[in-house]
């Protein structure tokens, strides 16, 4: 199992708008691609020096190949929409994780 983790710091001035967009549009649309089986959104409990609020969204997929298909077929449009809506009020970075075992 592969976890595609997107960590985002969002400025307080657009926080509420971003949260609505994430929960009611962005995450559901990413799941609707059929490339992810689930998503989990969590708040990062560290205060950033730059301010804002930081969240992590973890999307679960079956393989690295499926994730690569997402990158090629879907990711550019999703990223473009986020930049268009929130610009420099949003800073995101992405991490790929491989699940080794659950306990």
PDB file of N, CA and C in Angstrom:
ATOM      1  N   UNK A   1       0.844  -1.177   0.000  1.00  0.00           N
ATOM      2  CA  UNK A   1       0.000   0.000   0.000  1.00  0.00           C
ATOM      3  C   UNK A   1       0.889   1.239   0.000  1.00  0.00           C
ATOM      4  N   UNK A   2       0.481   2.218  -0.781  1.00  0.00           N
ATOM      5  CA  UNK A   2       1.200   3.485  -0.883  1.00  0.00           C
ATOM      6  C   UNK A   2       0.317   4.591  -0.310  1.00  0.00           C
ATOM      7  N   UNK A   3       0.935   5.479   0.459  1.00  0.00           N
ATOM      8  CA  UNK A   3       0.239   6.643   0.996  1.00  0.00           C
ATOM      9  C   UNK A   3       0.838   7.875   0.339  1.00  0.00           C
ATOM     10  N   UNK A   4      -0.017   8.633  -0.313  1.00  0.00           N
ATOM     11  CA  UNK A   4       0.374   9.897  -0.929  1.00  0.00           C
ATOM     12  C   UNK A   4      -0.021  10.978   0.067  1.00  0.00           C
ATOM     13  N   UNK A   5       0.976  11.598   0.672  1.00  0.00           N
ATOM     14  CA  UNK A   5       0.763  12.583   1.733  1.00  0.00           C
ATOM     15  C   UNK A   5       0.986  13.993   1.192  1.00  0.00           C
ATOM     16  N   UNK A   6      -0.019  14.844   1.366  1.00  0.00           N
ATOM     17  CA  UNK A   6       0.094  16.242   0.963  1.00  0.00           C
ATOM     18  C   UNK A   6      -0.023  17.094   2.218  1.00  0.00           C
ATOM     19  N   UNK A   7       1.064  17.769   2.577  1.00  0.00           N
ATOM     20  CA  UNK A   7       1.086  18.642   3.744  1.00  0.00           C
ATOM     21  C   UNK A   7       0.952  20.072   3.263  1.00  0.00           C
ATOM     22  N   UNK A   8      -0.010  20.789   3.835  1.00  0.00           N
ATOM     23  CA  UNK A   8      -0.314  22.144   3.380  1.00  0.00           C
ATOM     24  C   UNK A   8      -0.378  23.101   4.547  1.00  0.00           C
ATOM     25  N   UNK A   9       0.309  24.249   4.407  1.00  0.00           N
ATOM     26  CA  UNK A   9       0.165  25.348   5.353  1.00  0.00           C
ATOM     27  C   UNK A   9      -0.733  26.373   4.678  1.00  0.00           C
ATOM     28  N   UNK A  10      -1.816  26.743   5.371  1.00  0.00           N
ATOM     29  CA  UNK A  10      -2.787  27.663   4.798  1.00  0.00           C
ATOM     30  C   UNK A  10      -2.887  28.910   5.670  1.00  0.00           C
ATOM     31  N   UNK A  11      -2.855  30.055   5.042  1.00  0.00           N
ATOM     32  CA  UNK A  11      -2.913  31.341   5.750  1.00  0.00           C
ATOM     33  C   UNK A  11      -4.281  31.510   6.411  1.00  0.00           C
ATOM     34  N   UNK A  12      -4.276  32.120   7.591  1.00  0.00           N
ATOM     35  CA  UNK A  12      -5.513  32.297   8.346  1.00  0.00           C
ATOM     36  C   UNK A  12      -6.586  33.058   7.562  1.00  0.00           C
ATOM     37  N   UNK A  13      -6.171  33.977   6.692  1.00  0.00           N
ATOM     38  CA  UNK A  13      -7.129  34.816   5.971  1.00  0.00           C
ATOM     39  C   UNK A  13      -8.001  34.034   4.984  1.00  0.00           C
ATOM     40  N   UNK A  14      -7.544  32.854   4.562  1.00  0.00           N
ATOM     41  CA  UNK A  14      -8.332  32.033   3.635  1.00  0.00           C
ATOM     42  C   UNK A  14      -8.630  30.650   4.211  1.00  0.00           C
ATOM     43  N   UNK A  15      -8.328  30.463   5.474  1.00  0.00           N
ATOM     44  CA  UNK A  15      -8.451  29.150   6.106  1.00  0.00           C
ATOM     45  C   UNK A  15      -9.841  28.549   5.944  1.00  0.00           C
ATOM     46  N   UNK A  16     -10.881  29.284   6.308  1.00  0.00           N
ATOM     47  CA  UNK A  16     -12.232  28.729   6.284  1.00  0.00           C
ATOM     48  C   UNK A  16     -12.667  28.376   4.869  1.00  0.00           C
ATOM     49  N   UNK A  17     -12.356  29.243   3.917  1.00  0.00           N
ATOM     50  CA  UNK A  17     -12.682  28.988   2.508  1.00  0.00           C
ATOM     51  C   UNK A  17     -11.937  27.743   2.017  1.00  0.00           C
ATOM     52  N   UNK A  18     -10.672  27.631   2.362  1.00  0.00           N
ATOM     53  CA  UNK A  18      -9.856  26.479   1.969  1.00  0.00           C
ATOM     54  C   UNK A  18     -10.414  25.191   2.558  1.00  0.00           C
ATOM     55  N   UNK A  19     -10.797  25.232   3.837  1.00  0.00           N
ATOM     56  CA  UNK A  19     -11.304  24.038   4.515  1.00  0.00           C
ATOM     57  C   UNK A  19     -12.589  23.545   3.844  1.00  0.00           C
ATOM     58  N   UNK A  20     -13.482  24.448   3.503  1.00  0.00           N
ATOM     59  CA  UNK A  20     -14.717  24.060   2.807  1.00  0.00           C
ATOM     60  C   UNK A  20     -14.381  23.446   1.454  1.00  0.00           C
ATOM     61  N   UNK A  21     -13.487  24.098   0.707  1.00  0.00           N
ATOM     62  CA  UNK A  21     -13.066  23.592  -0.601  1.00  0.00           C
ATOM     63  C   UNK A  21     -12.452  22.197  -0.481  1.00  0.00           C
ATOM     64  N   UNK A  22     -11.569  22.018   0.488  1.00  0.00           N
ATOM     65  CA  UNK A  22     -10.914  20.724   0.662  1.00  0.00           C
ATOM     66  C   UNK A  22     -11.918  19.617   0.957  1.00  0.00           C
ATOM     67  N   UNK A  23     -12.799  19.845   1.920  1.00  0.00           N
ATOM     68  CA  UNK A  23     -13.691  18.788   2.392  1.00  0.00           C
ATOM     69  C   UNK A  23     -14.868  18.523   1.457  1.00  0.00           C
ATOM     70  N   UNK A  24     -15.315  19.531   0.736  1.00  0.00           N
ATOM     71  CA  UNK A  24     -16.520  19.367  -0.070  1.00  0.00           C
ATOM     72  C   UNK A  24     -16.259  19.285  -1.573  1.00  0.00           C
ATOM     73  N   UNK A  25     -15.037  19.626  -1.996  1.00  0.00           N
ATOM     74  CA  UNK A  25     -14.744  19.596  -3.435  1.00  0.00           C
ATOM     75  C   UNK A  25     -13.450  18.849  -3.751  1.00  0.00           C
ATOM     76  N   UNK A  26     -12.333  19.357  -3.238  1.00  0.00           N
ATOM     77  CA  UNK A  26     -11.026  18.853  -3.645  1.00  0.00           C
ATOM     78  C   UNK A  26     -10.822  17.372  -3.291  1.00  0.00           C
ATOM     79  N   UNK A  27     -10.940  17.017  -2.034  1.00  0.00           N
ATOM     80  CA  UNK A  27     -10.728  15.615  -1.633  1.00  0.00           C
ATOM     81  C   UNK A  27     -11.739  14.687  -2.307  1.00  0.00           C
ATOM     82  N   UNK A  28     -13.049  15.022  -2.313  1.00  0.00           N
ATOM     83  CA  UNK A  28     -13.986  14.139  -3.026  1.00  0.00           C
ATOM     84  C   UNK A  28     -13.654  13.965  -4.505  1.00  0.00           C
ATOM     85  N   UNK A  29     -13.182  15.026  -5.167  1.00  0.00           N
ATOM     86  CA  UNK A  29     -12.830  14.915  -6.582  1.00  0.00           C
ATOM     87  C   UNK A  29     -11.597  14.037  -6.790  1.00  0.00           C
ATOM     88  N   UNK A  30     -10.630  14.133  -5.898  1.00  0.00           N
ATOM     89  CA  UNK A  30      -9.449  13.264  -6.006  1.00  0.00           C
ATOM     90  C   UNK A  30      -9.862  11.812  -5.804  1.00  0.00           C
ATOM     91  N   UNK A  31     -10.711  11.545  -4.821  1.00  0.00           N
ATOM     92  CA  UNK A  31     -11.190  10.178  -4.612  1.00  0.00           C
ATOM     93  C   UNK A  31     -11.997   9.690  -5.812  1.00  0.00           C
ATOM     94  N   UNK A  32     -12.710  10.580  -6.476  1.00  0.00           N
ATOM     95  CA  UNK A  32     -13.531  10.213  -7.631  1.00  0.00           C
ATOM     96  C   UNK A  32     -12.698   9.800  -8.847  1.00  0.00           C
ATOM     97  N   UNK A  33     -11.392  10.067  -8.839  1.00  0.00           N
ATOM     98  CA  UNK A  33     -10.548   9.599  -9.941  1.00  0.00           C
ATOM     99  C   UNK A  33     -10.471   8.074  -9.956  1.00  0.00           C
ATOM    100  N   UNK A  34     -10.796   7.452  -8.822  1.00  0.00           N
ATOM    101  CA  UNK A  34     -10.719   6.002  -8.717  1.00  0.00           C
ATOM    102  C   UNK A  34      -9.330   5.478  -8.437  1.00  0.00           C
ATOM    103  N   UNK A  35      -8.385   6.387  -8.232  1.00  0.00           N
ATOM    104  CA  UNK A  35      -7.001   5.966  -8.020  1.00  0.00           C
ATOM    105  C   UNK A  35      -6.631   5.829  -6.544  1.00  0.00           C
ATOM    106  N   UNK A  36      -7.524   6.267  -5.669  1.00  0.00           N
ATOM    107  CA  UNK A  36      -7.287   6.184  -4.228  1.00  0.00           C
ATOM    108  C   UNK A  36      -8.479   5.515  -3.555  1.00  0.00           C
ATOM    109  N   UNK A  37      -8.197   4.700  -2.555  1.00  0.00           N
ATOM    110  CA  UNK A  37      -9.270   3.981  -1.861  1.00  0.00           C
ATOM    111  C   UNK A  37      -9.800   4.742  -0.654  1.00  0.00           C
ATOM    112  N   UNK A  38      -9.003   5.669  -0.120  1.00  0.00           N
ATOM    113  CA  UNK A  38      -9.443   6.437   1.045  1.00  0.00           C
ATOM    114  C   UNK A  38      -8.573   7.675   1.200  1.00  0.00           C
ATOM    115  N   UNK A  39      -9.051   8.589   2.042  1.00  0.00           N
ATOM    116  CA  UNK A  39      -8.277   9.784   2.374  1.00  0.00           C
ATOM    117  C   UNK A  39      -8.519  10.109   3.840  1.00  0.00           C
ATOM    118  N   UNK A  40      -7.502  10.659   4.465  1.00  0.00           N
ATOM    119  CA  UNK A  40      -7.594  11.073   5.868  1.00  0.00           C
ATOM    120  C   UNK A  40      -6.990  12.462   5.962  1.00  0.00           C
ATOM    121  N   UNK A  41      -7.717  13.373   6.602  1.00  0.00           N
ATOM    122  CA  UNK A  41      -7.225  14.743   6.797  1.00  0.00           C
ATOM    123  C   UNK A  41      -6.952  14.947   8.287  1.00  0.00           C
ATOM    124  N   UNK A  42      -5.745  15.413   8.596  1.00  0.00           N
ATOM    125  CA  UNK A  42      -5.367  15.647   9.983  1.00  0.00           C
ATOM    126  C   UNK A  42      -4.715  17.030  10.109  1.00  0.00           C
ATOM    127  N   UNK A  43      -4.850  17.607  11.271  1.00  0.00           N
ATOM    128  CA  UNK A  43      -4.192  18.884  11.557  1.00  0.00           C
ATOM    129  C   UNK A  43      -2.843  18.598  12.190  1.00  0.00           C
ATOM    130  N   UNK A  44      -1.830  19.311  11.755  1.00  0.00           N
ATOM    131  CA  UNK A  44      -0.487  19.188  12.322  1.00  0.00           C
ATOM    132  C   UNK A  44      -0.431  20.078  13.557  1.00  0.00           C
ATOM    133  N   UNK A  45      -0.089  19.486  14.695  1.00  0.00           N
ATOM    134  CA  UNK A  45      -0.137  20.203  15.968  1.00  0.00           C
ATOM    135  C   UNK A  45       1.182  20.865  16.322  1.00  0.00           C
ATOM    136  N   UNK A  46       1.710  21.621  15.369  1.00  0.00           N
ATOM    137  CA  UNK A  46       2.934  22.397  15.589  1.00  0.00           C
ATOM    138  C   UNK A  46       2.651  23.804  15.094  1.00  0.00           C
ATOM    139  N   UNK A  47       3.037  24.797  15.874  1.00  0.00           N
ATOM    140  CA  UNK A  47       2.877  26.177  15.434  1.00  0.00           C
ATOM    141  C   UNK A  47       4.048  26.531  14.539  1.00  0.00           C
ATOM    142  N   UNK A  48       3.728  26.958  13.337  1.00  0.00           N
ATOM    143  CA  UNK A  48       4.747  27.333  12.367  1.00  0.00           C
ATOM    144  C   UNK A  48       5.213  28.761  12.611  1.00  0.00           C
ATOM    145  N   UNK A  49       6.514  29.002  12.472  1.00  0.00           N
ATOM    146  CA  UNK A  49       7.050  30.357  12.613  1.00  0.00           C
ATOM    147  C   UNK A  49       6.441  31.299  11.594  1.00  0.00           C
ATOM    148  N   UNK A  50       6.122  30.761  10.402  1.00  0.00           N
ATOM    149  CA  UNK A  50       5.562  31.607   9.347  1.00  0.00           C
ATOM    150  C   UNK A  50       4.082  31.881   9.556  1.00  0.00           C
ATOM    151  N   UNK A  51       3.484  31.254  10.575  1.00  0.00           N
ATOM    152  CA  UNK A  51       2.059  31.427  10.815  1.00  0.00           C
ATOM    153  C   UNK A  51       1.253  30.423  10.021  1.00  0.00           C
ATOM    154  N   UNK A  52      -0.028  30.667   9.943  1.00  0.00           N
ATOM    155  CA  UNK A  52      -0.907  29.760   9.229  1.00  0.00           C
ATOM    156  C   UNK A  52      -1.206  28.514  10.032  1.00  0.00           C
ATOM    157  N   UNK A  53      -1.998  27.649   9.435  1.00  0.00           N
ATOM    158  CA  UNK A  53      -2.374  26.373  10.042  1.00  0.00           C
ATOM    159  C   UNK A  53      -1.948  25.285   9.063  1.00  0.00           C
ATOM    160  N   UNK A  54      -1.378  24.202   9.583  1.00  0.00           N
ATOM    161  CA  UNK A  54      -0.850  23.147   8.730  1.00  0.00           C
ATOM    162  C   UNK A  54      -1.690  21.881   8.858  1.00  0.00           C
ATOM    163  N   UNK A  55      -1.971  21.279   7.711  1.00  0.00           N
ATOM    164  CA  UNK A  55      -2.745  20.043   7.636  1.00  0.00           C
ATOM    165  C   UNK A  55      -2.005  19.030   6.786  1.00  0.00           C
ATOM    166  N   UNK A  56      -2.303  17.772   7.023  1.00  0.00           N
ATOM    167  CA  UNK A  56      -1.804  16.683   6.200  1.00  0.00           C
ATOM    168  C   UNK A  56      -3.010  15.897   5.697  1.00  0.00           C
ATOM    169  N   UNK A  57      -3.037  15.650   4.391  1.00  0.00           N
ATOM    170  CA  UNK A  57      -4.052  14.776   3.823  1.00  0.00           C
ATOM    171  C   UNK A  57      -3.325  13.559   3.278  1.00  0.00           C
ATOM    172  N   UNK A  58      -3.756  12.386   3.730  1.00  0.00           N
ATOM    173  CA  UNK A  58      -3.112  11.135   3.343  1.00  0.00           C
ATOM    174  C   UNK A  58      -4.075  10.319   2.490  1.00  0.00           C
ATOM    175  N   UNK A  59      -3.695  10.153   1.226  1.00  0.00           N
ATOM    176  CA  UNK A  59      -4.498   9.391   0.268  1.00  0.00           C
ATOM    177  C   UNK A  59      -3.881   8.002   0.125  1.00  0.00           C
ATOM    178  N   UNK A  60      -4.688   6.969   0.222  1.00  0.00           N
ATOM    179  CA  UNK A  60      -4.206   5.601   0.135  1.00  0.00           C
ATOM    180  C   UNK A  60      -4.475   5.036  -1.252  1.00  0.00           C
ATOM    181  N   UNK A  61      -3.436   4.419  -1.828  1.00  0.00           N
ATOM    182  CA  UNK A  61      -3.579   3.784  -3.137  1.00  0.00           C
ATOM    183  C   UNK A  61      -2.901   2.417  -3.118  1.00  0.00           C
ATOM    184  N   UNK A  62      -3.198   1.616  -4.126  1.00  0.00           N
ATOM    185  CA  UNK A  62      -2.720   0.236  -4.124  1.00  0.00           C
ATOM    186  C   UNK A  62      -1.268   0.075  -4.555  1.00  0.00           C
ATOM    187  N   UNK A  63      -0.744   1.013  -5.359  1.00  0.00           N
ATOM    188  CA  UNK A  63       0.609   0.805  -5.882  1.00  0.00           C
ATOM    189  C   UNK A  63       1.244   2.112  -6.334  1.00  0.00           C
ATOM    190  N   UNK A  64       2.544   2.055  -6.502  1.00  0.00           N
ATOM    191  CA  UNK A  64       3.299   3.188  -7.033  1.00  0.00           C
ATOM    192  C   UNK A  64       2.862   3.469  -8.477  1.00  0.00           C
ATOM    193  N   UNK A  65       2.524   2.433  -9.210  1.00  0.00           N
ATOM    194  CA  UNK A  65       2.078   2.598 -10.592  1.00  0.00           C
ATOM    195  C   UNK A  65       0.769   3.395 -10.665  1.00  0.00           C
ATOM    196  N   UNK A  66      -0.148   3.112  -9.757  1.00  0.00           N
ATOM    197  CA  UNK A  66      -1.408   3.861  -9.721  1.00  0.00           C
ATOM    198  C   UNK A  66      -1.146   5.316  -9.362  1.00  0.00           C
ATOM    199  N   UNK A  67      -0.239   5.539  -8.427  1.00  0.00           N
ATOM    200  CA  UNK A  67       0.116   6.905  -8.050  1.00  0.00           C
ATOM    201  C   UNK A  67       0.740   7.638  -9.238  1.00  0.00           C
ATOM    202  N   UNK A  68       1.584   6.969  -9.992  1.00  0.00           N
ATOM    203  CA  UNK A  68       2.185   7.577 -11.181  1.00  0.00           C
ATOM    204  C   UNK A  68       1.114   7.959 -12.204  1.00  0.00           C
ATOM    205  N   UNK A  69       0.105   7.106 -12.361  1.00  0.00           N
ATOM    206  CA  UNK A  69      -0.999   7.430 -13.270  1.00  0.00           C
ATOM    207  C   UNK A  69      -1.723   8.685 -12.788  1.00  0.00           C
ATOM    208  N   UNK A  70      -1.905   8.807 -11.467  1.00  0.00           N
ATOM    209  CA  UNK A  70      -2.530  10.012 -10.906  1.00  0.00           C
ATOM    210  C   UNK A  70      -1.694  11.242 -11.263  1.00  0.00           C
ATOM    211  N   UNK A  71      -0.386  11.149 -11.069  1.00  0.00           N
ATOM    212  CA  UNK A  71       0.507  12.272 -11.394  1.00  0.00           C
ATOM    213  C   UNK A  71       0.358  12.696 -12.857  1.00  0.00           C
ATOM    214  N   UNK A  72       0.292  11.719 -13.748  1.00  0.00           N
ATOM    215  CA  UNK A  72       0.238  12.011 -15.180  1.00  0.00           C
ATOM    216  C   UNK A  72      -1.131  12.498 -15.636  1.00  0.00           C
ATOM    217  N   UNK A  73      -2.185  11.881 -15.129  1.00  0.00           N
ATOM    218  CA  UNK A  73      -3.526  12.130 -15.651  1.00  0.00           C
ATOM    219  C   UNK A  73      -4.322  13.191 -14.898  1.00  0.00           C
ATOM    220  N   UNK A  74      -4.066  13.355 -13.599  1.00  0.00           N
ATOM    221  CA  UNK A  74      -4.958  14.164 -12.775  1.00  0.00           C
ATOM    222  C   UNK A  74      -4.284  15.301 -11.997  1.00  0.00           C
ATOM    223  N   UNK A  75      -3.108  15.057 -11.485  1.00  0.00           N
ATOM    224  CA  UNK A  75      -2.469  16.000 -10.556  1.00  0.00           C
ATOM    225  C   UNK A  75      -2.302  17.416 -11.105  1.00  0.00           C
ATOM    226  N   UNK A  76      -1.873  17.600 -12.351  1.00  0.00           N
ATOM    227  CA  UNK A  76      -1.663  18.978 -12.815  1.00  0.00           C
ATOM    228  C   UNK A  76      -2.903  19.860 -12.695  1.00  0.00           C
ATOM    229  N   UNK A  77      -4.060  19.354 -13.057  1.00  0.00           N
ATOM    230  CA  UNK A  77      -5.289  20.157 -12.976  1.00  0.00           C
ATOM    231  C   UNK A  77      -5.662  20.456 -11.531  1.00  0.00           C
ATOM    232  N   UNK A  78      -5.501  19.469 -10.643  1.00  0.00           N
ATOM    233  CA  UNK A  78      -5.815  19.704  -9.232  1.00  0.00           C
ATOM    234  C   UNK A  78      -4.887  20.752  -8.629  1.00  0.00           C
ATOM    235  N   UNK A  79      -3.608  20.662  -8.926  1.00  0.00           N
ATOM    236  CA  UNK A  79      -2.645  21.627  -8.386  1.00  0.00           C
ATOM    237  C   UNK A  79      -2.912  23.024  -8.938  1.00  0.00           C
ATOM    238  N   UNK A  80      -3.237  23.096 -10.213  1.00  0.00           N
ATOM    239  CA  UNK A  80      -3.528  24.387 -10.844  1.00  0.00           C
ATOM    240  C   UNK A  80      -4.744  25.058 -10.185  1.00  0.00           C
ATOM    241  N   UNK A  81      -5.757  24.274  -9.884  1.00  0.00           N
ATOM    242  CA  UNK A  81      -6.949  24.835  -9.242  1.00  0.00           C
ATOM    243  C   UNK A  81      -6.610  25.416  -7.869  1.00  0.00           C
ATOM    244  N   UNK A  82      -5.806  24.699  -7.083  1.00  0.00           N
ATOM    245  CA  UNK A  82      -5.411  25.193  -5.766  1.00  0.00           C
ATOM    246  C   UNK A  82      -4.639  26.494  -5.847  1.00  0.00           C
ATOM    247  N   UNK A  83      -3.710  26.566  -6.791  1.00  0.00           N
ATOM    248  CA  UNK A  83      -2.920  27.787  -6.971  1.00  0.00           C
ATOM    249  C   UNK A  83      -3.817  28.935  -7.413  1.00  0.00           C
ATOM    250  N   UNK A  84      -4.736  28.655  -8.321  1.00  0.00           N
ATOM    251  CA  UNK A  84      -5.650  29.685  -8.815  1.00  0.00           C
ATOM    252  C   UNK A  84      -6.519  30.241  -7.686  1.00  0.00           C
ATOM    253  N   UNK A  85      -7.003  29.366  -6.814  1.00  0.00           N
ATOM    254  CA  UNK A  85      -7.895  29.800  -5.735  1.00  0.00           C
ATOM    255  C   UNK A  85      -7.165  30.462  -4.570  1.00  0.00           C
ATOM    256  N   UNK A  86      -5.970  29.948  -4.213  1.00  0.00           N
ATOM    257  CA  UNK A  86      -5.334  30.383  -2.972  1.00  0.00           C
ATOM    258  C   UNK A  86      -3.946  30.992  -3.140  1.00  0.00           C
ATOM    259  N   UNK A  87      -3.347  30.849  -4.310  1.00  0.00           N
ATOM    260  CA  UNK A  87      -2.071  31.484  -4.607  1.00  0.00           C
ATOM    261  C   UNK A  87      -1.024  31.298  -3.532  1.00  0.00           C
ATOM    262  N   UNK A  88      -0.405  32.402  -3.131  1.00  0.00           N
ATOM    263  CA  UNK A  88       0.672  32.343  -2.143  1.00  0.00           C
ATOM    264  C   UNK A  88       0.152  32.250  -0.708  1.00  0.00           C
ATOM    265  N   UNK A  89      -1.132  32.106  -0.526  1.00  0.00           N
ATOM    266  CA  UNK A  89      -1.712  31.902   0.818  1.00  0.00           C
ATOM    267  C   UNK A  89      -1.664  30.424   1.202  1.00  0.00           C
ATOM    268  N   UNK A  90      -1.189  29.591   0.271  1.00  0.00           N
ATOM    269  CA  UNK A  90      -1.126  28.155   0.473  1.00  0.00           C
ATOM    270  C   UNK A  90       0.250  27.653   0.066  1.00  0.00           C
ATOM    271  N   UNK A  91       0.874  26.886   0.944  1.00  0.00           N
ATOM    272  CA  UNK A  91       2.172  26.283   0.648  1.00  0.00           C
ATOM    273  C   UNK A  91       2.044  24.782   0.895  1.00  0.00           C
ATOM    274  N   UNK A  92       2.294  23.979  -0.139  1.00  0.00           N
ATOM    275  CA  UNK A  92       2.118  22.534  -0.014  1.00  0.00           C
ATOM    276  C   UNK A  92       3.378  21.793  -0.426  1.00  0.00           C
ATOM    277  N   UNK A  93       3.607  20.657   0.227  1.00  0.00           N
ATOM    278  CA  UNK A  93       4.638  19.740  -0.242  1.00  0.00           C
ATOM    279  C   UNK A  93       4.102  18.319  -0.124  1.00  0.00           C
ATOM    280  N   UNK A  94       4.655  17.454  -0.942  1.00  0.00           N
ATOM    281  CA  UNK A  94       4.137  16.101  -1.080  1.00  0.00           C
ATOM    282  C   UNK A  94       5.189  15.067  -0.711  1.00  0.00           C
ATOM    283  N   UNK A  95       4.711  13.974  -0.114  1.00  0.00           N
ATOM    284  CA  UNK A  95       5.576  12.877   0.289  1.00  0.00           C
ATOM    285  C   UNK A  95       4.918  11.565  -0.101  1.00  0.00           C
ATOM    286  N   UNK A  96       5.706  10.632  -0.587  1.00  0.00           N
ATOM    287  CA  UNK A  96       5.208   9.280  -0.876  1.00  0.00           C
ATOM    288  C   UNK A  96       5.690   8.354   0.225  1.00  0.00           C
ATOM    289  N   UNK A  97       4.763   7.572   0.764  1.00  0.00           N
ATOM    290  CA  UNK A  97       5.077   6.647   1.849  1.00  0.00           C
ATOM    291  C   UNK A  97       4.640   5.238   1.455  1.00  0.00           C
ATOM    292  N   UNK A  98       5.411   4.252   1.859  1.00  0.00           N
ATOM    293  CA  UNK A  98       5.033   2.865   1.625  1.00  0.00           C
ATOM    294  C   UNK A  98       4.740   2.203   2.967  1.00  0.00           C
ATOM    295  N   UNK A  99       3.555   1.638   3.100  1.00  0.00           N
ATOM    296  CA  UNK A  99       3.190   0.954   4.343  1.00  0.00           C
ATOM    297  C   UNK A  99       3.961  -0.356   4.436  1.00  0.00           C
ATOM    298  N   UNK A 100       4.668  -0.526   5.526  1.00  0.00           N
ATOM    299  CA  UNK A 100       5.418  -1.753   5.776  1.00  0.00           C
ATOM    300  C   UNK A 100       4.577  -2.745   6.560  1.00  0.00           C
ATOM    301  N   UNK A 101       3.970  -2.261   7.666  1.00  0.00           N
ATOM    302  CA  UNK A 101       3.107  -3.135   8.443  1.00  0.00           C
ATOM    303  C   UNK A 101       2.231  -2.329   9.389  1.00  0.00           C
ATOM    304  N   UNK A 102       1.090  -2.883   9.719  1.00  0.00           N
ATOM    305  CA  UNK A 102       0.196  -2.323  10.727  1.00  0.00           C
ATOM    306  C   UNK A 102       0.325  -3.155  11.990  1.00  0.00           C
ATOM    307  N   UNK A 103       0.168  -2.537  13.144  1.00  0.00           N
ATOM    308  CA  UNK A 103       0.227  -3.268  14.414  1.00  0.00           C
ATOM    309  C   UNK A 103      -1.018  -2.989  15.225  1.00  0.00           C
TER     310      UNK A 103
END
